[in-house]
Amino acid sequence: MPPKKSNLNNASSKGSRRKRVERAQQLPEQIETRNAAQRIRTAESRARESQEQRDERMQQNITRTRAARERNIATVRERDRQRQRISRSLTRASFVRLAFEYAPDINYSAHSKIAIGRMDKVCQYCQALKFRNEGAGMCCASGKVVLSPLPAPPEPLLSLLTGNSDDSKLFLRKIRKFNSCFQMTSFGATKICDRASDGRNFETTFKIQGQVYHKIGSLMPMPDNNPKFLQIYFMGDCEERVTTRCLYNFIEQAEERAIVILLENFLEDHNQLIQLIKRVSPRLQNDNYQIVIKADKVPLGEHAGRFNAPTVDEVAVIMVGDPVDKRSIQITRRDNTVSTISDLHRSYDALQYPLIFWQGQDEYHLNIKQYDPNTGDYRNNKVSSMNYYAHRIMVRQHQDNYILRYRQLFHKYIVDMYAKVESERLRFLRFNQAKLRSEEYIHLRDAVVGNIDGNLNPNDIGNAFILPSSYIGSPWNMQEYMQDAMTYVRHYGRPDLFITFTCNPNWEEIQTLLLPGQQAIHRHDLTAQWQKRGLPHAHILVWLKDRIRPEEIDQIISAEIPDPLIDQELFDIVTKH
C-alpha cells in the first residue's frame, strides 16, 4: 500500500533538513568540490538544451526575478512610507500648542521646518546650486539643456561690473540708463513702471503690463529727424555719437559722459553684431534695399548648444518687398516706419541688452535641441524658452554668472524674458485648442448660439481662444481657487487665524548668496513677489482642530518688551522691529 501524501511531505521535509545539516558540516574544500561539480552539471545540461528550451528557461528566470524584486520594492516602499508617517507625526506633534510652552533656551529658528539651509545641493548635470527641496529639473531639465556660459566681460566692462570705484558705483546705480544709450531696439509695453505706485523711489523694481514688443527702425533717420537707437551707430565720429547718446538719455554729468565714452569704444571693438551690420550696410545702394538677418540658421559645424553672433552668410541684402521669413529681422536703409522683432529671433536679446551680451551673441531661438545625457546625442525635441532662461540665471559651482551682477538691468531683462516665456505658452495654447478640448467649454458656445441680448453678431467674435485652468491667472484658474476656498469655508467654517508673514532681507539664506555690494532688492532670482511692493510676504488663513479659547489669547500675546536677562534673542527682535 503506497504511503500517504502527508508522509511523502514529511519525508521530503526531513530530507531537506538532513541535507542542510550535512552542508553546514562540510569543510571549505568539500564545498568548493561540490560547487565545481554543480557547475559542470549545469553547463552540460544547458549544452543539451535546444534554443526553444533556453528561451523558455530565460523567460522563467526573468519572471521569477521581476516578481521577487516587486515583492522587495513593495516591502521597502511600505517601510519607507511608514517611517515618513512616523517622522511627520512626531514633527507635527512637536509643534502642537508650542506657543503655550515657549522656552527661551530652545533655538526655534534652527528647526528644519524654519531654516531651509544653504544653497549647496549640486546638480549632477550642470553643477547648478539649489536648496535642499528644490526640484531636480528646475535648472537644466535633468541634463536636457546644455548651454555655454556667458563669457566673462573684458575691461573696462569687468571693472565697472565688479569694482568698487566711484565709476563702478555710478555705473551700477544707473546701469539701465547706460544700456539705453547703446540698445539697438526700442522697448515697449502697454504699461511700464519702474518706481513705486505712489511716486516714491524706495526699493523700485521693473514692472510691465500687457504685451512686450521690441521695435527696430531704419539705418538712417528721415530728414530733419534725430538719430535714435541703431541709427546712432552710423553717425560720423565717436564724439558725435557720444553727444547724441547723452542728449537722448538726459546725461549731463561729466562722470557719466566719461563712462559712455568707455562703453562706446568697448562695443565698437567687441560687438560682432554691430560690426556685421556695418560691413553689409554699404551694399544698400538706395532706399529700395534692406538688410535681413535670418532667424534660425545655425552656423555649420557649430555645437548645438553654442551660440555665436550671426555670420555674413546669415545676413542678406534684398529688395524691399521680396518674400522674407516673418521672424527674420528686416532693416531698411531709410524710411519712416519701424518693425517689430519676433521674440523667437536669436538676436532679440542682444539688440536690446548690448551691455549683457556685449559680443552680440545669439540667445534663445527655436533650433536649440535637447541633449540626452544617457546617450550623449542631441534629440529632435527642442528646448523651451522657460528651460532656457531658467538655465541661464542659475548660480553654479565654481562659475561666476555675470548676468546676476547687472542689478536694475537684470530686473528689466528677467521681466522681458518672462514675458517671452508667457508668449510662448500662449502660442502653444492657441495652436493646440483641439488637444485641450476647447469645444467642451459649452458656456461660450451657448452664449454665441443663444444670443440672449440680440446684439451679438457671431461674425464679429473671431476665434474662440480658451485658457485652461492650468494657466496661472486665467479665469478658469481663478475660478478653481475661489471654489477651493468656498469648499474650505463650507466644510470647516470660518478660519481661526489670519497670519501675515513677511520676508526678512537679513535672512542667512539671502545674505550668503548676495554678491559684493548687492542688496536683496538687486536679486529677484532669490526673492520674488508678484505685487512688487517690497520683499515677499504671505497672508495665511489657518483652521485649528483644537480651537484657541478667548481666555487663552493673553498667554501668547503680550504688549511688553521681553526681559533681556531671560531671553536676549527675543528682546533684540522686539526692540529692532
Protein backbone atom coordinates (compact mmCIF):
# COMPACT_ATOMS: atom_id res chain seq x y z
CA MET A 1 0.00 0.00 0.00
CA PRO A 2 1.56 3.33 -1.06
CA PRO A 3 2.34 5.85 1.66
CA LYS A 4 0.04 8.82 2.19
CA LYS A 5 0.88 12.20 0.73
CA SER A 6 1.39 13.62 4.16
CA ASN A 7 4.06 11.01 4.80
CA LEU A 8 5.70 11.95 1.48
CA ASN A 9 5.76 15.58 2.50
CA ASN A 10 7.22 14.73 5.87
CA ALA A 11 9.87 12.57 4.23
CA SER A 12 10.76 15.37 1.81
CA SER A 13 10.96 17.89 4.63
CA LYS A 14 13.17 15.60 6.69
CA GLY A 15 15.44 15.01 3.66
CA SER A 16 15.84 18.76 3.13
CA ARG A 17 16.74 19.32 6.76
CA ARG A 18 19.25 16.47 6.61
CA LYS A 19 20.93 17.97 3.52
CA ARG A 20 21.15 21.41 5.15
CA VAL A 21 22.78 19.89 8.22
CA GLU A 22 25.25 17.92 6.10
CA ARG A 23 26.21 21.01 4.06
CA ALA A 24 26.68 23.06 7.20
CA GLN A 25 29.18 20.46 8.44
CA GLN A 26 31.21 20.33 5.19
CA LEU A 27 34.75 21.65 5.03
CA PRO A 28 35.64 24.52 2.63
CA GLU A 29 37.40 22.06 0.29
CA GLN A 30 34.27 19.89 0.15
CA ILE A 31 32.10 22.93 -0.58
CA GLU A 32 34.39 24.00 -3.45
CA THR A 33 34.36 20.45 -4.90
CA ARG A 34 30.56 20.31 -4.67
CA ASN A 35 30.15 23.71 -6.34
CA ALA A 36 32.57 22.76 -9.15
CA ALA A 37 30.63 19.56 -9.81
CA GLN A 38 27.38 21.53 -9.84
CA ARG A 39 28.80 23.99 -12.37
CA ILE A 40 29.85 21.12 -14.64
CA ARG A 41 26.40 19.50 -14.44
CA THR A 42 24.71 22.83 -15.16
CA ALA A 43 26.95 23.51 -18.17
CA GLU A 44 26.29 20.01 -19.57
CA SER A 45 22.56 20.40 -19.04
CA ARG A 46 22.47 23.77 -20.81
CA ALA A 47 24.58 22.41 -23.66
CA ARG A 48 21.87 19.81 -24.34
CA GLU A 49 19.13 22.46 -24.41
CA SER A 50 17.51 23.48 -27.66
CA GLN A 51 17.05 27.15 -28.49
CA GLU A 52 13.36 26.96 -27.57
CA GLN A 53 14.15 25.40 -24.19
CA ARG A 54 16.81 28.00 -23.50
CA ASP A 55 14.42 30.87 -24.34
CA GLU A 56 11.76 29.35 -22.10
CA ARG A 57 14.23 28.99 -19.21
CA MET A 58 15.44 32.57 -19.61
CA GLN A 59 11.89 33.88 -19.65
CA GLN A 60 11.07 31.94 -16.47
CA ASN A 61 14.16 33.36 -14.77
CA ILE A 62 13.18 36.90 -15.81
CA THR A 63 9.65 36.39 -14.49
CA ARG A 64 10.87 35.00 -11.16
CA THR A 65 13.43 37.82 -10.75
CA ARG A 66 10.89 40.51 -11.57
CA ALA A 67 8.36 39.07 -9.14
CA ALA A 68 10.97 38.87 -6.38
CA ARG A 69 12.06 42.46 -6.98
CA GLU A 70 8.48 43.69 -6.98
CA ARG A 71 7.92 41.99 -3.63
CA ASN A 72 11.09 43.55 -2.24
CA ILE A 73 10.29 47.01 -3.69
CA ALA A 74 6.77 46.89 -2.27
CA THR A 75 8.16 45.93 1.13
CA VAL A 76 10.80 48.66 1.06
CA ARG A 77 8.31 51.28 -0.13
CA GLU A 78 5.84 50.40 2.59
CA ARG A 79 8.61 50.54 5.18
CA ASP A 80 9.69 53.99 3.91
CA ARG A 81 6.10 55.26 3.92
CA GLN A 82 5.65 54.07 7.48
CA ARG A 83 8.90 55.75 8.54
CA GLN A 84 7.82 59.03 6.88
CA ARG A 85 4.41 58.90 8.55
CA ILE A 86 6.03 58.41 11.94
CA SER A 87 8.53 61.21 11.27
CA ARG A 88 5.80 63.63 10.15
CA SER A 89 3.60 62.78 13.11
CA LEU A 90 6.48 63.37 15.50
CA THR A 91 7.34 66.68 13.81
CA ARG A 92 3.74 67.88 13.85
CA ALA A 93 3.29 66.72 17.42
CA SER A 94 6.26 68.82 18.49
CA PHE A 95 4.53 71.96 17.14
CA VAL A 96 1.14 71.37 18.75
CA ARG A 97 0.39 74.29 21.11
CA LEU A 98 4.09 75.15 21.09
CA ALA A 99 3.38 78.83 21.76
CA PHE A 100 1.92 77.91 25.14
CA GLU A 101 5.14 76.10 26.06
CA TYR A 102 7.70 78.64 24.85
CA ALA A 103 11.17 78.11 26.34
CA PRO A 104 13.88 80.78 25.87
CA ASP A 105 16.69 78.22 25.90
CA ILE A 106 15.39 76.46 22.76
CA ASN A 107 16.66 77.70 19.37
CA TYR A 108 13.41 77.57 17.40
CA SER A 109 14.91 79.33 14.38
CA ALA A 110 17.22 76.37 13.71
CA HIS A 111 14.34 73.92 13.22
CA SER A 112 14.35 72.15 9.84
CA LYS A 113 10.85 73.46 9.11
CA ILE A 114 12.02 77.06 9.58
CA ALA A 115 15.59 77.20 8.27
CA ILE A 116 15.79 75.87 4.72
CA GLY A 117 19.57 75.70 4.91
CA ARG A 118 22.26 76.74 2.49
CA MET A 119 22.01 76.51 -1.28
CA ASP A 120 24.52 73.66 -1.51
CA LYS A 121 22.65 70.96 -3.43
CA VAL A 122 24.65 70.49 -6.65
CA CYS A 123 23.01 69.33 -9.89
CA GLN A 124 24.87 66.33 -11.24
CA TYR A 125 24.44 67.54 -14.83
CA CYS A 126 25.07 71.31 -14.87
CA GLN A 127 26.56 71.91 -11.39
CA ALA A 128 23.79 74.38 -10.52
CA LEU A 129 23.39 75.13 -6.83
CA LYS A 130 19.92 74.64 -5.35
CA PHE A 131 18.23 74.46 -1.99
CA ARG A 132 17.54 71.11 -0.42
CA ASN A 133 13.93 70.61 -1.54
CA GLU A 134 14.11 72.25 -4.97
CA GLY A 135 13.26 70.08 -7.95
CA ALA A 136 15.91 68.16 -9.86
CA GLY A 137 14.82 69.54 -13.24
CA MET A 138 14.43 73.24 -12.47
CA CYS A 139 17.95 74.15 -13.65
CA CYS A 140 18.63 72.06 -16.77
CA ALA A 141 15.63 69.71 -17.08
CA SER A 142 17.78 66.87 -15.69
CA GLY A 143 20.57 67.29 -18.22
CA LYS A 144 18.42 68.01 -21.29
CA VAL A 145 19.50 71.68 -21.54
CA VAL A 146 23.19 72.30 -22.29
CA LEU A 147 24.26 75.91 -22.80
CA SER A 148 27.61 77.62 -22.91
CA PRO A 149 28.12 80.03 -20.00
CA LEU A 150 28.19 83.73 -20.72
CA PRO A 151 31.82 84.79 -21.27
CA ALA A 152 33.48 86.98 -18.68
CA PRO A 153 33.44 90.59 -19.93
CA PRO A 154 36.86 92.16 -20.56
CA GLU A 155 37.95 95.58 -19.40
CA PRO A 156 36.58 98.16 -18.91
CA LEU A 157 33.17 96.49 -18.51
CA LEU A 158 34.53 93.97 -16.00
CA SER A 159 35.77 96.67 -13.63
CA LEU A 160 32.52 98.59 -13.94
CA LEU A 161 30.55 95.47 -13.00
CA THR A 162 32.72 94.07 -10.23
CA GLY A 163 34.79 97.02 -9.00
CA ASN A 164 34.37 99.27 -6.00
CA SER A 165 35.44 102.59 -7.54
CA ASP A 166 33.25 105.67 -7.87
CA ASP A 167 32.80 104.97 -11.58
CA SER A 168 31.69 101.42 -10.82
CA LYS A 169 29.16 102.57 -8.22
CA LEU A 170 27.79 105.19 -10.62
CA PHE A 171 27.59 102.65 -13.44
CA LEU A 172 25.73 100.08 -11.34
CA ARG A 173 23.36 102.68 -9.93
CA LYS A 174 22.35 103.91 -13.41
CA ILE A 175 23.04 100.79 -15.42
CA ARG A 176 19.68 100.81 -17.20
CA LYS A 177 20.33 104.34 -18.45
CA PHE A 178 23.76 103.32 -19.77
CA ASN A 179 22.25 100.30 -21.52
CA SER A 180 19.61 102.56 -23.09
CA CYS A 181 22.42 104.59 -24.62
CA PHE A 182 23.53 101.61 -26.70
CA GLN A 183 20.44 99.45 -27.24
CA MET A 184 19.62 98.98 -30.91
CA THR A 185 15.90 98.35 -30.47
CA SER A 186 13.21 100.21 -28.56
CA PHE A 187 11.38 98.54 -25.68
CA GLY A 188 7.63 98.88 -25.40
CA ALA A 189 4.69 97.50 -23.42
CA THR A 190 1.13 98.52 -22.64
CA LYS A 191 2.33 99.99 -19.35
CA ILE A 192 5.86 100.31 -17.94
CA CYS A 193 6.51 101.19 -14.30
CA ASP A 194 9.92 101.41 -12.64
CA ARG A 195 9.00 103.17 -9.40
CA ALA A 196 6.53 102.76 -6.57
CA SER A 197 2.86 103.36 -7.41
CA ASP A 198 2.72 106.40 -5.12
CA GLY A 199 5.72 108.05 -6.75
CA ARG A 200 8.20 107.26 -4.02
CA ASN A 201 11.51 105.86 -5.15
CA PHE A 202 12.11 103.20 -2.50
CA GLU A 203 13.08 99.65 -3.46
CA THR A 204 11.98 100.23 -7.04
CA THR A 205 11.80 97.37 -9.44
CA PHE A 206 10.78 96.99 -13.07
CA LYS A 207 7.14 96.18 -13.86
CA ILE A 208 5.19 95.91 -17.08
CA GLN A 209 1.59 95.36 -18.06
CA GLY A 210 0.37 93.95 -21.35
CA GLN A 211 2.27 92.71 -24.36
CA VAL A 212 6.01 93.39 -24.69
CA TYR A 213 7.50 94.32 -28.04
CA HIS A 214 10.91 95.32 -29.39
CA LYS A 215 10.95 97.57 -32.45
CA ILE A 216 13.71 98.48 -34.86
CA GLY A 217 13.88 101.31 -37.38
CA SER A 218 15.95 102.06 -40.45
CA LEU A 219 19.71 102.55 -40.56
CA MET A 220 19.39 106.25 -41.32
CA PRO A 221 16.87 108.76 -39.95
CA MET A 222 14.45 110.68 -42.08
CA PRO A 223 15.42 114.27 -42.96
CA ASP A 224 15.08 116.68 -40.02
CA ASN A 225 14.83 113.74 -37.56
CA ASN A 226 17.44 113.00 -34.92
CA PRO A 227 19.13 109.57 -34.96
CA LYS A 228 17.87 107.02 -32.43
CA PHE A 229 18.93 103.56 -31.27
CA LEU A 230 20.65 101.68 -34.12
CA GLN A 231 20.90 104.82 -36.25
CA ILE A 232 23.40 106.38 -33.81
CA TYR A 233 25.97 103.68 -34.65
CA PHE A 234 26.14 105.02 -38.23
CA MET A 235 26.87 108.63 -37.32
CA GLY A 236 30.20 110.31 -38.11
CA ASP A 237 32.82 110.15 -35.38
CA CYS A 238 32.93 108.86 -31.80
CA GLU A 239 32.46 112.29 -30.24
CA GLU A 240 29.30 112.94 -32.24
CA ARG A 241 27.85 109.55 -31.33
CA VAL A 242 28.58 110.06 -27.61
CA THR A 243 26.99 113.51 -27.64
CA THR A 244 23.84 112.17 -29.30
CA ARG A 245 23.56 109.29 -26.83
CA CYS A 246 23.93 111.63 -23.87
CA LEU A 247 21.34 114.08 -25.20
CA TYR A 248 18.82 111.35 -25.95
CA ASN A 249 19.20 109.81 -22.45
CA PHE A 250 19.47 113.07 -20.47
CA ILE A 251 23.08 112.54 -19.40
CA GLU A 252 24.70 115.79 -18.28
CA GLN A 253 27.32 114.87 -15.68
CA ALA A 254 30.91 114.64 -16.85
CA GLU A 255 31.42 111.39 -14.92
CA GLU A 256 28.51 109.75 -16.75
CA ARG A 257 29.72 111.01 -20.12
CA ALA A 258 33.16 109.51 -19.43
CA ILE A 259 31.54 106.10 -18.86
CA VAL A 260 29.58 106.45 -22.12
CA ILE A 261 32.86 107.10 -23.98
CA LEU A 262 34.40 103.96 -22.44
CA LEU A 263 31.41 101.83 -23.43
CA GLU A 264 31.26 103.35 -26.94
CA ASN A 265 34.82 102.26 -27.69
CA PHE A 266 34.29 98.92 -25.95
CA LEU A 267 31.26 97.92 -28.05
CA GLU A 268 32.87 99.15 -31.26
CA ASP A 269 35.73 96.72 -30.62
CA HIS A 270 33.81 93.70 -29.31
CA ASN A 271 30.19 93.63 -30.55
CA GLN A 272 30.20 91.40 -33.63
CA LEU A 273 26.57 92.15 -34.45
CA ILE A 274 27.30 95.86 -34.84
CA GLN A 275 30.42 95.12 -36.87
CA LEU A 276 28.46 92.80 -39.17
CA ILE A 277 25.70 95.34 -39.88
CA LYS A 278 28.31 97.99 -40.62
CA ARG A 279 30.09 95.68 -43.07
CA VAL A 280 26.99 94.94 -45.12
CA SER A 281 25.40 98.40 -44.92
CA PRO A 282 27.45 99.80 -47.88
CA ARG A 283 25.68 97.25 -50.09
CA LEU A 284 22.42 99.18 -49.64
CA GLN A 285 22.50 101.07 -52.94
CA ASN A 286 19.35 103.10 -52.22
CA ASP A 287 16.24 103.12 -50.06
CA ASN A 288 14.74 100.22 -52.03
CA TYR A 289 17.12 97.75 -50.38
CA GLN A 290 17.05 96.26 -46.89
CA ILE A 291 19.22 94.10 -44.64
CA VAL A 292 17.72 90.80 -43.49
CA ILE A 293 19.16 88.89 -40.52
CA LYS A 294 17.88 85.33 -40.69
CA ALA A 295 16.12 83.97 -37.63
CA ASP A 296 17.04 80.29 -37.43
CA LYS A 297 20.16 79.48 -39.40
CA VAL A 298 22.86 77.87 -37.22
CA PRO A 299 26.49 78.01 -38.41
CA LEU A 300 27.60 74.72 -39.91
CA GLY A 301 29.85 72.64 -37.70
CA GLU A 302 28.96 74.54 -34.55
CA HIS A 303 27.99 72.75 -31.35
CA ALA A 304 24.20 72.67 -30.92
CA GLY A 305 24.42 74.30 -27.50
CA ARG A 306 26.83 77.04 -28.50
CA PHE A 307 25.73 80.47 -29.63
CA ASN A 308 27.67 82.87 -31.82
CA ALA A 309 26.81 86.14 -33.48
CA PRO A 310 25.33 85.85 -36.99
CA THR A 311 27.84 85.44 -39.80
CA VAL A 312 27.88 87.17 -43.18
CA ASP A 313 26.20 84.13 -44.75
CA GLU A 314 23.22 84.63 -42.45
CA VAL A 315 22.72 88.27 -43.44
CA ALA A 316 21.25 89.16 -46.82
CA VAL A 317 20.68 92.41 -48.71
CA ILE A 318 17.46 92.17 -50.72
CA MET A 319 14.94 94.41 -52.41
CA VAL A 320 12.13 95.82 -50.28
CA GLY A 321 9.04 93.71 -50.91
CA ASP A 322 10.85 90.42 -51.59
CA PRO A 323 9.45 87.47 -49.60
CA VAL A 324 11.10 87.12 -46.19
CA ASP A 325 10.51 84.78 -43.27
CA LYS A 326 8.28 86.72 -40.88
CA ARG A 327 10.62 86.00 -37.95
CA SER A 328 13.68 87.46 -39.68
CA ILE A 329 14.85 90.98 -38.83
CA GLN A 330 14.40 93.48 -41.67
CA ILE A 331 16.40 96.73 -41.55
CA THR A 332 15.73 99.23 -44.30
CA ARG A 333 18.17 101.92 -45.40
CA ARG A 334 15.84 104.84 -44.74
CA ASP A 335 12.09 105.04 -44.18
CA ASN A 336 9.60 106.37 -41.67
CA THR A 337 8.41 103.03 -40.28
CA VAL A 338 9.51 100.69 -37.52
CA SER A 339 9.12 96.91 -37.47
CA THR A 340 8.51 94.62 -34.53
CA ILE A 341 11.15 91.96 -33.92
CA SER A 342 9.94 88.43 -33.27
CA ASP A 343 10.76 87.26 -29.76
CA LEU A 344 11.84 83.97 -31.36
CA HIS A 345 14.74 85.61 -33.21
CA ARG A 346 18.13 84.68 -31.79
CA SER A 347 19.35 88.30 -31.84
CA TYR A 348 16.29 89.52 -29.92
CA ASP A 349 18.19 89.72 -26.61
CA ALA A 350 21.50 91.06 -27.92
CA LEU A 351 19.87 94.00 -29.72
CA GLN A 352 18.10 95.17 -26.56
CA TYR A 353 20.78 94.36 -23.96
CA PRO A 354 24.19 95.14 -25.51
CA LEU A 355 25.85 95.53 -22.10
CA ILE A 356 24.85 91.99 -21.08
CA PHE A 357 25.51 90.37 -24.48
CA TRP A 358 28.46 92.57 -25.35
CA GLN A 359 29.63 90.22 -28.12
CA GLY A 360 26.28 90.38 -29.89
CA GLN A 361 25.95 86.61 -29.47
CA ASP A 362 22.83 84.60 -30.16
CA GLU A 363 20.46 83.69 -27.37
CA TYR A 364 17.19 81.74 -27.40
CA HIS A 365 15.73 80.55 -30.71
CA LEU A 366 13.74 77.60 -31.99
CA ASN A 367 16.64 75.46 -33.21
CA ILE A 368 18.13 74.59 -29.82
CA LYS A 369 17.85 70.84 -29.40
CA GLN A 370 17.55 68.90 -26.18
CA TYR A 371 20.52 66.82 -25.07
CA ASP A 372 20.23 63.19 -23.98
CA PRO A 373 22.66 62.69 -21.06
CA ASN A 374 22.35 58.90 -21.35
CA THR A 375 23.40 58.57 -25.00
CA GLY A 376 25.39 61.79 -25.39
CA ASP A 377 23.41 62.74 -28.51
CA TYR A 378 21.08 65.62 -29.30
CA ARG A 379 17.41 64.78 -29.82
CA ASN A 380 14.85 66.32 -32.13
CA ASN A 381 12.92 67.76 -29.20
CA LYS A 382 13.52 71.48 -28.78
CA VAL A 383 14.43 73.44 -25.64
CA SER A 384 11.61 75.69 -24.43
CA SER A 385 12.22 79.32 -23.53
CA MET A 386 11.33 78.61 -19.91
CA ASN A 387 14.00 75.90 -19.61
CA TYR A 388 16.49 78.07 -21.49
CA TYR A 389 16.23 81.11 -19.24
CA ALA A 390 15.95 79.01 -16.08
CA HIS A 391 19.32 77.52 -17.05
CA ARG A 392 20.72 80.96 -17.88
CA ILE A 393 20.11 82.60 -14.47
CA MET A 394 21.18 79.73 -12.18
CA VAL A 395 24.05 80.04 -9.72
CA ARG A 396 26.64 77.37 -10.48
CA GLN A 397 29.52 75.82 -8.63
CA HIS A 398 32.96 77.27 -9.47
CA GLN A 399 31.43 79.60 -12.08
CA ASP A 400 30.64 83.31 -11.97
CA ASN A 401 27.29 84.01 -13.62
CA TYR A 402 27.87 87.63 -14.65
CA ILE A 403 24.26 88.17 -15.64
CA LEU A 404 23.40 88.29 -11.92
CA ARG A 405 25.64 91.35 -11.47
CA TYR A 406 23.60 93.73 -13.65
CA ARG A 407 21.20 94.82 -10.89
CA GLN A 408 18.36 97.01 -12.31
CA LEU A 409 19.22 95.94 -15.84
CA PHE A 410 18.86 92.34 -14.68
CA HIS A 411 15.38 93.29 -13.38
CA LYS A 412 14.34 94.51 -16.81
CA TYR A 413 15.95 91.54 -18.56
CA ILE A 414 14.24 88.94 -16.40
CA VAL A 415 10.82 90.61 -16.77
CA ASP A 416 11.33 90.85 -20.53
CA MET A 417 12.34 87.21 -20.83
CA TYR A 418 9.48 86.00 -18.67
CA ALA A 419 7.10 87.87 -20.97
CA LYS A 420 8.69 85.84 -23.76
CA VAL A 421 8.02 82.63 -21.79
CA GLU A 422 4.38 83.60 -21.31
CA SER A 423 4.05 84.44 -25.01
CA GLU A 424 5.38 81.01 -25.90
CA ARG A 425 2.85 79.37 -23.58
CA LEU A 426 0.02 81.38 -25.11
CA ARG A 427 1.14 80.42 -28.61
CA PHE A 428 1.07 76.76 -27.59
CA LEU A 429 -2.42 77.11 -26.15
CA ARG A 430 -3.60 78.93 -29.25
CA PHE A 431 -2.37 76.29 -31.68
CA ASN A 432 -3.41 73.31 -29.52
CA GLN A 433 -7.00 74.20 -28.72
CA ALA A 434 -8.22 70.91 -30.18
CA LYS A 435 -5.94 68.91 -27.89
CA LEU A 436 -7.11 70.96 -24.94
CA ARG A 437 -10.73 70.01 -25.80
CA SER A 438 -11.82 73.64 -26.03
CA GLU A 439 -15.00 72.53 -27.76
CA GLU A 440 -16.14 71.18 -24.39
CA TYR A 441 -16.45 74.69 -22.96
CA ILE A 442 -20.16 74.76 -23.75
CA HIS A 443 -20.95 78.00 -21.94
CA LEU A 444 -19.10 80.04 -24.53
CA ARG A 445 -20.88 78.19 -27.31
CA ASP A 446 -24.25 78.70 -25.64
CA ALA A 447 -23.57 82.43 -25.31
CA VAL A 448 -22.96 82.67 -29.04
CA VAL A 449 -25.85 80.46 -30.10
CA GLY A 450 -28.34 81.81 -27.56
CA ASN A 451 -27.57 85.49 -28.28
CA ILE A 452 -29.65 86.50 -25.29
CA ASP A 453 -29.47 90.26 -25.72
CA GLY A 454 -29.81 90.16 -29.50
CA ASN A 455 -26.80 92.41 -30.01
CA LEU A 456 -24.21 89.70 -30.55
CA ASN A 457 -23.07 89.06 -34.11
CA PRO A 458 -21.17 85.73 -34.32
CA ASN A 459 -19.27 87.05 -37.35
CA ASP A 460 -17.70 89.76 -35.18
CA ILE A 461 -16.44 87.42 -32.46
CA GLY A 462 -13.35 85.95 -34.10
CA ASN A 463 -11.70 82.72 -33.00
CA ALA A 464 -12.54 81.21 -29.62
CA PHE A 465 -9.38 81.05 -27.53
CA ILE A 466 -9.79 79.25 -24.21
CA LEU A 467 -7.16 79.45 -21.45
CA PRO A 468 -7.24 76.24 -19.36
CA SER A 469 -7.19 76.24 -15.58
CA SER A 470 -3.52 75.23 -15.62
CA TYR A 471 -2.65 78.70 -16.95
CA ILE A 472 -1.98 80.80 -13.86
CA GLY A 473 -4.18 83.89 -13.71
CA SER A 474 -6.72 82.71 -16.29
CA PRO A 475 -10.45 82.96 -15.45
CA TRP A 476 -10.71 79.19 -15.05
CA ASN A 477 -7.66 79.15 -12.78
CA MET A 478 -9.07 81.89 -10.54
CA GLN A 479 -12.44 80.15 -10.53
CA GLU A 480 -10.81 76.96 -9.24
CA TYR A 481 -9.08 78.86 -6.45
CA MET A 482 -12.35 80.50 -5.48
CA GLN A 483 -14.19 77.18 -5.44
CA ASP A 484 -11.46 75.62 -3.30
CA ALA A 485 -11.71 78.48 -0.81
CA MET A 486 -15.50 78.20 -0.64
CA THR A 487 -15.22 74.45 -0.10
CA TYR A 488 -12.94 75.02 2.89
CA VAL A 489 -15.38 77.51 4.39
CA ARG A 490 -18.41 75.27 3.84
CA HIS A 491 -16.65 72.28 5.40
CA TYR A 492 -14.62 73.87 8.21
CA GLY A 493 -16.38 77.16 8.79
CA ARG A 494 -14.60 80.46 9.25
CA PRO A 495 -10.81 80.35 9.73
CA ASP A 496 -9.42 80.78 13.22
CA LEU A 497 -6.21 82.67 12.45
CA PHE A 498 -5.19 85.23 9.87
CA ILE A 499 -1.39 85.35 9.77
CA THR A 500 0.80 87.83 7.90
CA PHE A 501 4.33 86.64 7.25
CA THR A 502 6.97 88.93 5.75
CA CYS A 503 10.34 88.08 4.27
CA ASN A 504 13.37 89.42 6.12
CA PRO A 505 16.22 90.58 3.85
CA ASN A 506 18.68 89.72 6.63
CA TRP A 507 17.89 86.01 6.49
CA GLU A 508 21.03 83.95 6.13
CA GLU A 509 19.66 82.18 3.04
CA ILE A 510 19.57 85.56 1.25
CA GLN A 511 22.64 87.25 2.65
CA THR A 512 25.02 84.38 1.85
CA LEU A 513 24.05 84.49 -1.84
CA LEU A 514 24.40 88.23 -2.41
CA LEU A 515 27.43 89.29 -4.41
CA PRO A 516 29.70 92.05 -3.03
CA GLY A 517 27.87 95.38 -2.85
CA GLN A 518 24.45 93.85 -3.55
CA GLN A 519 21.24 94.09 -1.54
CA ALA A 520 18.25 91.78 -1.58
CA ILE A 521 16.39 94.13 -3.96
CA HIS A 522 19.08 93.50 -6.60
CA ARG A 523 18.47 89.76 -6.78
CA HIS A 524 14.99 88.87 -7.91
CA ASP A 525 16.20 85.36 -8.64
CA LEU A 526 16.30 84.93 -4.84
CA THR A 527 13.27 86.97 -3.78
CA ALA A 528 10.14 87.35 -5.86
CA GLN A 529 6.61 88.65 -5.38
CA TRP A 530 4.04 89.48 -8.00
CA GLN A 531 2.91 92.73 -6.32
CA LYS A 532 6.49 94.11 -6.21
CA ARG A 533 5.84 96.17 -3.08
CA GLY A 534 8.97 95.25 -1.21
CA LEU A 535 10.09 91.75 -0.32
CA PRO A 536 7.71 88.77 -0.45
CA HIS A 537 5.03 88.37 2.17
CA ALA A 538 2.19 85.92 2.68
CA HIS A 539 -1.33 86.13 4.08
CA ILE A 540 -2.25 82.77 5.59
CA LEU A 541 -5.63 81.51 6.82
CA VAL A 542 -5.45 78.73 9.40
CA TRP A 543 -8.19 76.40 10.62
CA LEU A 544 -7.43 74.87 14.03
CA LYS A 545 -8.56 71.41 15.02
CA ASP A 546 -8.35 72.35 18.70
CA ARG A 547 -9.57 75.93 18.72
CA ILE A 548 -7.93 78.52 20.96
CA ARG A 549 -10.31 79.88 23.57
CA PRO A 550 -10.53 83.67 24.08
CA GLU A 551 -9.16 83.41 27.60
CA GLU A 552 -6.02 81.73 26.25
CA ILE A 553 -5.07 84.60 23.96
CA ASP A 554 -3.37 86.59 26.71
CA GLN A 555 -0.98 83.69 27.29
CA ILE A 556 0.62 84.05 23.85
CA ILE A 557 0.12 87.75 23.01
CA SER A 558 1.93 90.35 25.05
CA ALA A 559 2.45 94.11 24.67
CA GLU A 560 5.61 94.38 26.72
CA ILE A 561 9.32 94.28 25.99
CA PRO A 562 10.89 90.93 26.97
CA ASP A 563 13.45 90.78 29.73
CA PRO A 564 16.94 90.70 28.12
CA LEU A 565 18.27 88.69 31.07
CA ILE A 566 15.79 85.90 30.36
CA ASP A 567 15.55 85.96 26.55
CA GLN A 568 18.16 88.14 24.84
CA GLU A 569 17.25 86.98 21.30
CA LEU A 570 13.55 87.82 21.69
CA PHE A 571 14.48 91.16 23.27
CA ASP A 572 16.68 92.04 20.26
CA ILE A 573 13.94 91.07 17.79
CA VAL A 574 11.22 93.12 19.51
CA THR A 575 13.34 96.23 20.05
CA LYS A 576 14.67 96.17 16.47
CA HIS A 577 11.40 95.68 14.64
